[in-house]
Amino acid sequence: MELRRRALGTAVGLTWGLSILLVTWWLLIWNSTGNTISKLGGLFWGYTYSWFGGIVGFVWGFIFGFIVGFLIALFYDIALKFFNKPKPVS
């Protein structure tokens, strides 16, 4: 059974992006200093520990997660074809 690449990419991307968005906003609501999560600015261009930065983090998280999910499905399908070769009938 092959994996659908765009579907897995979308699922992983939404999960990753929403996680960054919700964690950023949750920490802002609780008036946290955000020392740890603000380090995402080094990974995602334009991300800051702010309300708008959470949206930027969502976009970058979705893009990054989509690529990771797509590649996981692609490599899974390649491995599936490699290891499930039909056996010759003797």
PDB file of N, CA and C in Angstrom:
ATOM      1  N   MET A   1       0.839  -1.172   0.000  1.00  0.00           N
ATOM      2  CA  MET A   1       0.000   0.000   0.000  1.00  0.00           C
ATOM      3  C   MET A   1       0.890   1.243   0.000  1.00  0.00           C
ATOM      4  N   GLU A   2       0.720   2.066  -1.001  1.00  0.00           N
ATOM      5  CA  GLU A   2       1.514   3.276  -1.098  1.00  0.00           C
ATOM      6  C   GLU A   2       0.872   4.403  -0.293  1.00  0.00           C
ATOM      7  N   LEU A   3       1.716   5.304   0.186  1.00  0.00           N
ATOM      8  CA  LEU A   3       1.229   6.473   0.914  1.00  0.00           C
ATOM      9  C   LEU A   3       0.958   7.604  -0.071  1.00  0.00           C
ATOM     10  N   ARG A   4      -0.038   8.399   0.212  1.00  0.00           N
ATOM     11  CA  ARG A   4      -0.327   9.571  -0.613  1.00  0.00           C
ATOM     12  C   ARG A   4       0.552  10.706  -0.125  1.00  0.00           C
ATOM     13  N   ARG A   5       1.440  11.151  -0.995  1.00  0.00           N
ATOM     14  CA  ARG A   5       2.477  12.104  -0.604  1.00  0.00           C
ATOM     15  C   ARG A   5       1.907  13.458  -0.201  1.00  0.00           C
ATOM     16  N   ARG A   6       1.005  13.992  -1.007  1.00  0.00           N
ATOM     17  CA  ARG A   6       0.450  15.312  -0.667  1.00  0.00           C
ATOM     18  C   ARG A   6      -0.404  15.263   0.589  1.00  0.00           C
ATOM     19  N   ALA A   7      -1.107  14.161   0.785  1.00  0.00           N
ATOM     20  CA  ALA A   7      -1.951  14.044   1.983  1.00  0.00           C
ATOM     21  C   ALA A   7      -1.096  13.979   3.248  1.00  0.00           C
ATOM     22  N   LEU A   8      -0.040  13.179   3.221  1.00  0.00           N
ATOM     23  CA  LEU A   8       0.832  13.098   4.400  1.00  0.00           C
ATOM     24  C   LEU A   8       1.571  14.414   4.609  1.00  0.00           C
ATOM     25  N   GLY A   9       2.005  15.042   3.520  1.00  0.00           N
ATOM     26  CA  GLY A   9       2.663  16.337   3.630  1.00  0.00           C
ATOM     27  C   GLY A   9       1.755  17.389   4.230  1.00  0.00           C
ATOM     28  N   THR A  10       0.501  17.410   3.810  1.00  0.00           N
ATOM     29  CA  THR A  10      -0.451  18.372   4.363  1.00  0.00           C
ATOM     30  C   THR A  10      -0.721  18.099   5.838  1.00  0.00           C
ATOM     31  N   ALA A  11      -0.876  16.842   6.197  1.00  0.00           N
ATOM     32  CA  ALA A  11      -1.149  16.491   7.592  1.00  0.00           C
ATOM     33  C   ALA A  11       0.014  16.863   8.501  1.00  0.00           C
ATOM     34  N   VAL A  12       1.224  16.530   8.092  1.00  0.00           N
ATOM     35  CA  VAL A  12       2.396  16.853   8.913  1.00  0.00           C
ATOM     36  C   VAL A  12       2.611  18.360   8.953  1.00  0.00           C
ATOM     37  N   GLY A  13       2.405  19.026   7.809  1.00  0.00           N
ATOM     38  CA  GLY A  13       2.567  20.474   7.763  1.00  0.00           C
ATOM     39  C   GLY A  13       1.587  21.206   8.654  1.00  0.00           C
ATOM     40  N   LEU A  14       0.327  20.800   8.626  1.00  0.00           N
ATOM     41  CA  LEU A  14      -0.661  21.436   9.497  1.00  0.00           C
ATOM     42  C   LEU A  14      -0.358  21.174  10.967  1.00  0.00           C
ATOM     43  N   THR A  15       0.050  19.972  11.280  1.00  0.00           N
ATOM     44  CA  THR A  15       0.382  19.652  12.668  1.00  0.00           C
ATOM     45  C   THR A  15       1.559  20.479  13.152  1.00  0.00           C
ATOM     46  N   TRP A  16       2.586  20.567  12.336  1.00  0.00           N
ATOM     47  CA  TRP A  16       3.793  21.298  12.709  1.00  0.00           C
ATOM     48  C   TRP A  16       3.500  22.794  12.819  1.00  0.00           C
ATOM     49  N   GLY A  17       2.813  23.331  11.817  1.00  0.00           N
ATOM     50  CA  GLY A  17       2.513  24.755  11.821  1.00  0.00           C
ATOM     51  C   GLY A  17       1.591  25.164  12.952  1.00  0.00           C
ATOM     52  N   LEU A  18       0.530  24.400  13.167  1.00  0.00           N
ATOM     53  CA  LEU A  18      -0.386  24.718  14.259  1.00  0.00           C
ATOM     54  C   LEU A  18       0.284  24.580  15.620  1.00  0.00           C
ATOM     55  N   SER A  19       1.204  23.641  15.741  1.00  0.00           N
ATOM     56  CA  SER A  19       1.921  23.499  17.014  1.00  0.00           C
ATOM     57  C   SER A  19       2.725  24.752  17.326  1.00  0.00           C
ATOM     58  N   ILE A  20       3.432  25.269  16.337  1.00  0.00           N
ATOM     59  CA  ILE A  20       4.211  26.490  16.559  1.00  0.00           C
ATOM     60  C   ILE A  20       3.289  27.661  16.880  1.00  0.00           C
ATOM     61  N   LEU A  21       2.213  27.806  16.121  1.00  0.00           N
ATOM     62  CA  LEU A  21       1.269  28.899  16.337  1.00  0.00           C
ATOM     63  C   LEU A  21       0.649  28.841  17.726  1.00  0.00           C
ATOM     64  N   LEU A  22       0.134  27.685  18.099  1.00  0.00           N
ATOM     65  CA  LEU A  22      -0.562  27.564  19.376  1.00  0.00           C
ATOM     66  C   LEU A  22       0.379  27.675  20.568  1.00  0.00           C
ATOM     67  N   VAL A  23       1.576  27.127  20.463  1.00  0.00           N
ATOM     68  CA  VAL A  23       2.532  27.242  21.569  1.00  0.00           C
ATOM     69  C   VAL A  23       2.960  28.698  21.737  1.00  0.00           C
ATOM     70  N   THR A  24       3.207  29.388  20.626  1.00  0.00           N
ATOM     71  CA  THR A  24       3.590  30.801  20.711  1.00  0.00           C
ATOM     72  C   THR A  24       2.487  31.613  21.371  1.00  0.00           C
ATOM     73  N   TRP A  25       1.266  31.461  20.901  1.00  0.00           N
ATOM     74  CA  TRP A  25       0.153  32.233  21.455  1.00  0.00           C
ATOM     75  C   TRP A  25      -0.133  31.844  22.899  1.00  0.00           C
ATOM     76  N   TRP A  26      -0.006  30.561  23.232  1.00  0.00           N
ATOM     77  CA  TRP A  26      -0.236  30.113  24.604  1.00  0.00           C
ATOM     78  C   TRP A  26       0.760  30.757  25.558  1.00  0.00           C
ATOM     79  N   LEU A  27       2.019  30.788  25.158  1.00  0.00           N
ATOM     80  CA  LEU A  27       3.035  31.420  25.999  1.00  0.00           C
ATOM     81  C   LEU A  27       2.814  32.925  26.118  1.00  0.00           C
ATOM     82  N   LEU A  28       2.336  33.560  25.060  1.00  0.00           N
ATOM     83  CA  LEU A  28       2.034  34.991  25.126  1.00  0.00           C
ATOM     84  C   LEU A  28       0.870  35.272  26.071  1.00  0.00           C
ATOM     85  N   ILE A  29      -0.144  34.420  26.047  1.00  0.00           N
ATOM     86  CA  ILE A  29      -1.289  34.589  26.943  1.00  0.00           C
ATOM     87  C   ILE A  29      -0.848  34.485  28.397  1.00  0.00           C
ATOM     88  N   TRP A  30       0.063  33.569  28.681  1.00  0.00           N
ATOM     89  CA  TRP A  30       0.528  33.362  30.044  1.00  0.00           C
ATOM     90  C   TRP A  30       1.697  34.267  30.425  1.00  0.00           C
ATOM     91  N   ASN A  31       1.996  35.253  29.595  1.00  0.00           N
ATOM     92  CA  ASN A  31       3.052  36.243  29.858  1.00  0.00           C
ATOM     93  C   ASN A  31       4.412  35.608  30.117  1.00  0.00           C
ATOM     94  N   SER A  32       4.730  34.579  29.366  1.00  0.00           N
ATOM     95  CA  SER A  32       6.034  33.937  29.479  1.00  0.00           C
ATOM     96  C   SER A  32       7.083  34.799  28.778  1.00  0.00           C
ATOM     97  N   THR A  33       8.325  34.648  29.177  1.00  0.00           N
ATOM     98  CA  THR A  33       9.389  35.404  28.520  1.00  0.00           C
ATOM     99  C   THR A  33       9.709  34.840  27.139  1.00  0.00           C
ATOM    100  N   GLY A  34       9.400  33.585  26.906  1.00  0.00           N
ATOM    101  CA  GLY A  34       9.593  32.980  25.587  1.00  0.00           C
ATOM    102  C   GLY A  34      11.039  32.798  25.191  1.00  0.00           C
ATOM    103  N   ASN A  35      11.904  32.567  26.155  1.00  0.00           N
ATOM    104  CA  ASN A  35      13.325  32.424  25.846  1.00  0.00           C
ATOM    105  C   ASN A  35      13.606  31.245  24.916  1.00  0.00           C
ATOM    106  N   THR A  36      12.950  30.136  25.141  1.00  0.00           N
ATOM    107  CA  THR A  36      13.229  28.943  24.351  1.00  0.00           C
ATOM    108  C   THR A  36      12.600  29.023  22.967  1.00  0.00           C
ATOM    109  N   ILE A  37      11.316  29.380  22.906  1.00  0.00           N
ATOM    110  CA  ILE A  37      10.644  29.378  21.611  1.00  0.00           C
ATOM    111  C   ILE A  37      11.112  30.509  20.715  1.00  0.00           C
ATOM    112  N   SER A  38      11.647  31.564  21.269  1.00  0.00           N
ATOM    113  CA  SER A  38      12.140  32.658  20.431  1.00  0.00           C
ATOM    114  C   SER A  38      13.358  32.239  19.623  1.00  0.00           C
ATOM    115  N   LYS A  39      13.994  31.127  19.986  1.00  0.00           N
ATOM    116  CA  LYS A  39      15.138  30.627  19.231  1.00  0.00           C
ATOM    117  C   LYS A  39      14.722  30.087  17.867  1.00  0.00           C
ATOM    118  N   LEU A  40      13.424  29.901  17.641  1.00  0.00           N
ATOM    119  CA  LEU A  40      12.953  29.496  16.317  1.00  0.00           C
ATOM    120  C   LEU A  40      13.239  30.566  15.271  1.00  0.00           C
ATOM    121  N   GLY A  41      13.481  31.791  15.716  1.00  0.00           N
ATOM    122  CA  GLY A  41      13.828  32.856  14.789  1.00  0.00           C
ATOM    123  C   GLY A  41      15.114  32.573  14.043  1.00  0.00           C
ATOM    124  N   GLY A  42      15.983  31.767  14.606  1.00  0.00           N
ATOM    125  CA  GLY A  42      17.200  31.368  13.916  1.00  0.00           C
ATOM    126  C   GLY A  42      16.952  30.337  12.838  1.00  0.00           C
ATOM    127  N   LEU A  43      15.851  29.614  12.947  1.00  0.00           N
ATOM    128  CA  LEU A  43      15.507  28.588  11.969  1.00  0.00           C
ATOM    129  C   LEU A  43      14.522  29.107  10.929  1.00  0.00           C
ATOM    130  N   PHE A  44      13.534  29.860  11.377  1.00  0.00           N
ATOM    131  CA  PHE A  44      12.493  30.378  10.485  1.00  0.00           C
ATOM    132  C   PHE A  44      12.675  31.877  10.301  1.00  0.00           C
ATOM    133  N   TRP A  45      12.980  32.298   9.089  1.00  0.00           N
ATOM    134  CA  TRP A  45      13.205  33.700   8.786  1.00  0.00           C
ATOM    135  C   TRP A  45      11.934  34.506   9.065  1.00  0.00           C
ATOM    136  N   GLY A  46      12.044  35.555   9.839  1.00  0.00           N
ATOM    137  CA  GLY A  46      10.915  36.427  10.137  1.00  0.00           C
ATOM    138  C   GLY A  46      10.143  36.070  11.395  1.00  0.00           C
ATOM    139  N   TYR A  47      10.453  34.935  11.999  1.00  0.00           N
ATOM    140  CA  TYR A  47       9.741  34.548  13.215  1.00  0.00           C
ATOM    141  C   TYR A  47      10.239  35.357  14.398  1.00  0.00           C
ATOM    142  N   THR A  48       9.311  35.901  15.146  1.00  0.00           N
ATOM    143  CA  THR A  48       9.612  36.565  16.404  1.00  0.00           C
ATOM    144  C   THR A  48       8.620  36.074  17.441  1.00  0.00           C
ATOM    145  N   TYR A  49       8.939  36.266  18.677  1.00  0.00           N
ATOM    146  CA  TYR A  49       8.039  35.870  19.756  1.00  0.00           C
ATOM    147  C   TYR A  49       6.991  36.969  19.924  1.00  0.00           C
ATOM    148  N   SER A  50       5.961  36.910  19.079  1.00  0.00           N
ATOM    149  CA  SER A  50       4.884  37.899  19.097  1.00  0.00           C
ATOM    150  C   SER A  50       3.640  37.264  18.493  1.00  0.00           C
ATOM    151  N   TRP A  51       2.538  38.014  18.499  1.00  0.00           N
ATOM    152  CA  TRP A  51       1.294  37.502  17.924  1.00  0.00           C
ATOM    153  C   TRP A  51       1.452  37.277  16.425  1.00  0.00           C
ATOM    154  N   PHE A  52       2.038  38.250  15.741  1.00  0.00           N
ATOM    155  CA  PHE A  52       2.267  38.086  14.307  1.00  0.00           C
ATOM    156  C   PHE A  52       3.334  37.034  14.041  1.00  0.00           C
ATOM    157  N   GLY A  53       4.320  36.940  14.920  1.00  0.00           N
ATOM    158  CA  GLY A  53       5.361  35.929  14.774  1.00  0.00           C
ATOM    159  C   GLY A  53       4.806  34.519  14.828  1.00  0.00           C
ATOM    160  N   GLY A  54       3.723  34.320  15.579  1.00  0.00           N
ATOM    161  CA  GLY A  54       3.073  33.018  15.606  1.00  0.00           C
ATOM    162  C   GLY A  54       2.512  32.640  14.250  1.00  0.00           C
ATOM    163  N   ILE A  55       1.985  33.633  13.529  1.00  0.00           N
ATOM    164  CA  ILE A  55       1.453  33.377  12.182  1.00  0.00           C
ATOM    165  C   ILE A  55       2.591  33.072  11.219  1.00  0.00           C
ATOM    166  N   VAL A  56       3.674  33.827  11.326  1.00  0.00           N
ATOM    167  CA  VAL A  56       4.852  33.550  10.492  1.00  0.00           C
ATOM    168  C   VAL A  56       5.391  32.151  10.798  1.00  0.00           C
ATOM    169  N   GLY A  57       5.419  31.783  12.068  1.00  0.00           N
ATOM    170  CA  GLY A  57       5.857  30.447  12.455  1.00  0.00           C
ATOM    171  C   GLY A  57       4.949  29.364  11.906  1.00  0.00           C
ATOM    172  N   PHE A  58       3.639  29.655  11.844  1.00  0.00           N
ATOM    173  CA  PHE A  58       2.707  28.688  11.256  1.00  0.00           C
ATOM    174  C   PHE A  58       3.028  28.452   9.791  1.00  0.00           C
ATOM    175  N   VAL A  59       3.263  29.534   9.058  1.00  0.00           N
ATOM    176  CA  VAL A  59       3.555  29.405   7.623  1.00  0.00           C
ATOM    177  C   VAL A  59       4.836  28.610   7.398  1.00  0.00           C
ATOM    178  N   TRP A  60       5.900  28.977   8.108  1.00  0.00           N
ATOM    179  CA  TRP A  60       7.154  28.251   7.967  1.00  0.00           C
ATOM    180  C   TRP A  60       7.028  26.813   8.456  1.00  0.00           C
ATOM    181  N   GLY A  61       6.311  26.611   9.551  1.00  0.00           N
ATOM    182  CA  GLY A  61       6.112  25.256  10.058  1.00  0.00           C
ATOM    183  C   GLY A  61       5.343  24.395   9.080  1.00  0.00           C
ATOM    184  N   PHE A  62       4.349  24.995   8.417  1.00  0.00           N
ATOM    185  CA  PHE A  62       3.588  24.240   7.419  1.00  0.00           C
ATOM    186  C   PHE A  62       4.477  23.860   6.241  1.00  0.00           C
ATOM    187  N   ILE A  63       5.262  24.810   5.754  1.00  0.00           N
ATOM    188  CA  ILE A  63       6.141  24.528   4.618  1.00  0.00           C
ATOM    189  C   ILE A  63       7.154  23.436   4.976  1.00  0.00           C
ATOM    190  N   PHE A  64       7.809  23.604   6.115  1.00  0.00           N
ATOM    191  CA  PHE A  64       8.810  22.634   6.547  1.00  0.00           C
ATOM    192  C   PHE A  64       8.173  21.266   6.802  1.00  0.00           C
ATOM    193  N   GLY A  65       7.023  21.248   7.477  1.00  0.00           N
ATOM    194  CA  GLY A  65       6.334  19.994   7.755  1.00  0.00           C
ATOM    195  C   GLY A  65       5.832  19.314   6.501  1.00  0.00           C
ATOM    196  N   PHE A  66       5.365  20.107   5.529  1.00  0.00           N
ATOM    197  CA  PHE A  66       4.905  19.524   4.264  1.00  0.00           C
ATOM    198  C   PHE A  66       6.050  18.822   3.553  1.00  0.00           C
ATOM    199  N   ILE A  67       7.207  19.469   3.511  1.00  0.00           N
ATOM    200  CA  ILE A  67       8.365  18.860   2.851  1.00  0.00           C
ATOM    201  C   ILE A  67       8.776  17.578   3.567  1.00  0.00           C
ATOM    202  N   VAL A  68       8.808  17.610   4.895  1.00  0.00           N
ATOM    203  CA  VAL A  68       9.192  16.419   5.665  1.00  0.00           C
ATOM    204  C   VAL A  68       8.182  15.285   5.438  1.00  0.00           C
ATOM    205  N   GLY A  69       6.880  15.581   5.518  1.00  0.00           N
ATOM    206  CA  GLY A  69       5.867  14.560   5.295  1.00  0.00           C
ATOM    207  C   GLY A  69       5.909  13.996   3.892  1.00  0.00           C
ATOM    208  N   PHE A  70       6.115  14.861   2.895  1.00  0.00           N
ATOM    209  CA  PHE A  70       6.214  14.430   1.507  1.00  0.00           C
ATOM    210  C   PHE A  70       7.400  13.490   1.323  1.00  0.00           C
ATOM    211  N   LEU A  71       8.552  13.861   1.902  1.00  0.00           N
ATOM    212  CA  LEU A  71       9.744  13.027   1.763  1.00  0.00           C
ATOM    213  C   LEU A  71       9.600  11.698   2.495  1.00  0.00           C
ATOM    214  N   ILE A  72       8.941  11.695   3.652  1.00  0.00           N
ATOM    215  CA  ILE A  72       8.703  10.436   4.363  1.00  0.00           C
ATOM    216  C   ILE A  72       7.877   9.491   3.495  1.00  0.00           C
ATOM    217  N   ALA A  73       6.807  10.012   2.891  1.00  0.00           N
ATOM    218  CA  ALA A  73       5.964   9.181   2.032  1.00  0.00           C
ATOM    219  C   ALA A  73       6.724   8.716   0.794  1.00  0.00           C
ATOM    220  N   LEU A  74       7.537   9.594   0.224  1.00  0.00           N
ATOM    221  CA  LEU A  74       8.314   9.225  -0.961  1.00  0.00           C
ATOM    222  C   LEU A  74       9.298   8.111  -0.647  1.00  0.00           C
ATOM    223  N   PHE A  75      10.067   8.254   0.438  1.00  0.00           N
ATOM    224  CA  PHE A  75      11.032   7.224   0.800  1.00  0.00           C
ATOM    225  C   PHE A  75      10.347   5.925   1.211  1.00  0.00           C
ATOM    226  N   TYR A  76       9.194   6.034   1.846  1.00  0.00           N
ATOM    227  CA  TYR A  76       8.430   4.836   2.205  1.00  0.00           C
ATOM    228  C   TYR A  76       8.006   4.080   0.945  1.00  0.00           C
ATOM    229  N   ASP A  77       7.512   4.811  -0.044  1.00  0.00           N
ATOM    230  CA  ASP A  77       7.079   4.168  -1.287  1.00  0.00           C
ATOM    231  C   ASP A  77       8.246   3.536  -2.034  1.00  0.00           C
ATOM    232  N   ILE A  78       9.398   4.209  -2.030  1.00  0.00           N
ATOM    233  CA  ILE A  78      10.588   3.642  -2.681  1.00  0.00           C
ATOM    234  C   ILE A  78      11.019   2.364  -1.960  1.00  0.00           C
ATOM    235  N   ALA A  79      11.043   2.400  -0.641  1.00  0.00           N
ATOM    236  CA  ALA A  79      11.426   1.202   0.129  1.00  0.00           C
ATOM    237  C   ALA A  79      10.415   0.078  -0.068  1.00  0.00           C
ATOM    238  N   LEU A  80       9.145   0.434  -0.159  1.00  0.00           N
ATOM    239  CA  LEU A  80       8.106  -0.572  -0.363  1.00  0.00           C
ATOM    240  C   LEU A  80       8.302  -1.280  -1.700  1.00  0.00           C
ATOM    241  N   LYS A  81       8.606  -0.530  -2.748  1.00  0.00           N
ATOM    242  CA  LYS A  81       8.831  -1.145  -4.065  1.00  0.00           C
ATOM    243  C   LYS A  81      10.102  -1.979  -4.078  1.00  0.00           C
ATOM    244  N   PHE A  82      11.120  -1.526  -3.327  1.00  0.00           N
ATOM    245  CA  PHE A  82      12.391  -2.243  -3.305  1.00  0.00           C
ATOM    246  C   PHE A  82      12.276  -3.576  -2.564  1.00  0.00           C
ATOM    247  N   PHE A  83      11.589  -3.578  -1.433  1.00  0.00           N
ATOM    248  CA  PHE A  83      11.532  -4.784  -0.607  1.00  0.00           C
ATOM    249  C   PHE A  83      10.377  -5.708  -0.960  1.00  0.00           C
ATOM    250  N   ASN A  84       9.411  -5.260  -1.705  1.00  0.00           N
ATOM    251  CA  ASN A  84       8.266  -6.103  -2.071  1.00  0.00           C
ATOM    252  C   ASN A  84       8.304  -6.495  -3.531  1.00  0.00           C
ATOM    253  N   LYS A  85       9.461  -6.922  -3.981  1.00  0.00           N
ATOM    254  CA  LYS A  85       9.578  -7.414  -5.349  1.00  0.00           C
ATOM    255  C   LYS A  85       8.880  -8.769  -5.442  1.00  0.00           C
ATOM    256  N   PRO A  86       8.170  -9.005  -6.531  1.00  0.00           N
ATOM    257  CA  PRO A  86       7.523 -10.317  -6.670  1.00  0.00           C
ATOM    258  C   PRO A  86       8.560 -11.437  -6.781  1.00  0.00           C
ATOM    259  N   LYS A  87       8.263 -12.531  -6.134  1.00  0.00           N
ATOM    260  CA  LYS A  87       9.173 -13.676  -6.151  1.00  0.00           C
ATOM    261  C   LYS A  87       8.940 -14.468  -7.447  1.00  0.00           C
ATOM    262  N   PRO A  88      10.019 -14.897  -8.081  1.00  0.00           N
ATOM    263  CA  PRO A  88       9.843 -15.664  -9.316  1.00  0.00           C
ATOM    264  C   PRO A  88       9.209 -17.040  -9.035  1.00  0.00           C
ATOM    265  N   VAL A  89       8.348 -17.429  -9.919  1.00  0.00           N
ATOM    266  CA  VAL A  89       7.686 -18.727  -9.796  1.00  0.00           C
ATOM    267  C   VAL A  89       8.598 -19.776 -10.398  1.00  0.00           C
ATOM    268  N   SER A  90       8.871 -20.833  -9.649  1.00  0.00           N
ATOM    269  CA  SER A  90       9.775 -21.862 -10.181  1.00  0.00           C
ATOM    270  C   SER A  90       9.038 -23.113 -10.575  1.00  0.00           C
TER     271      SER A  90
END
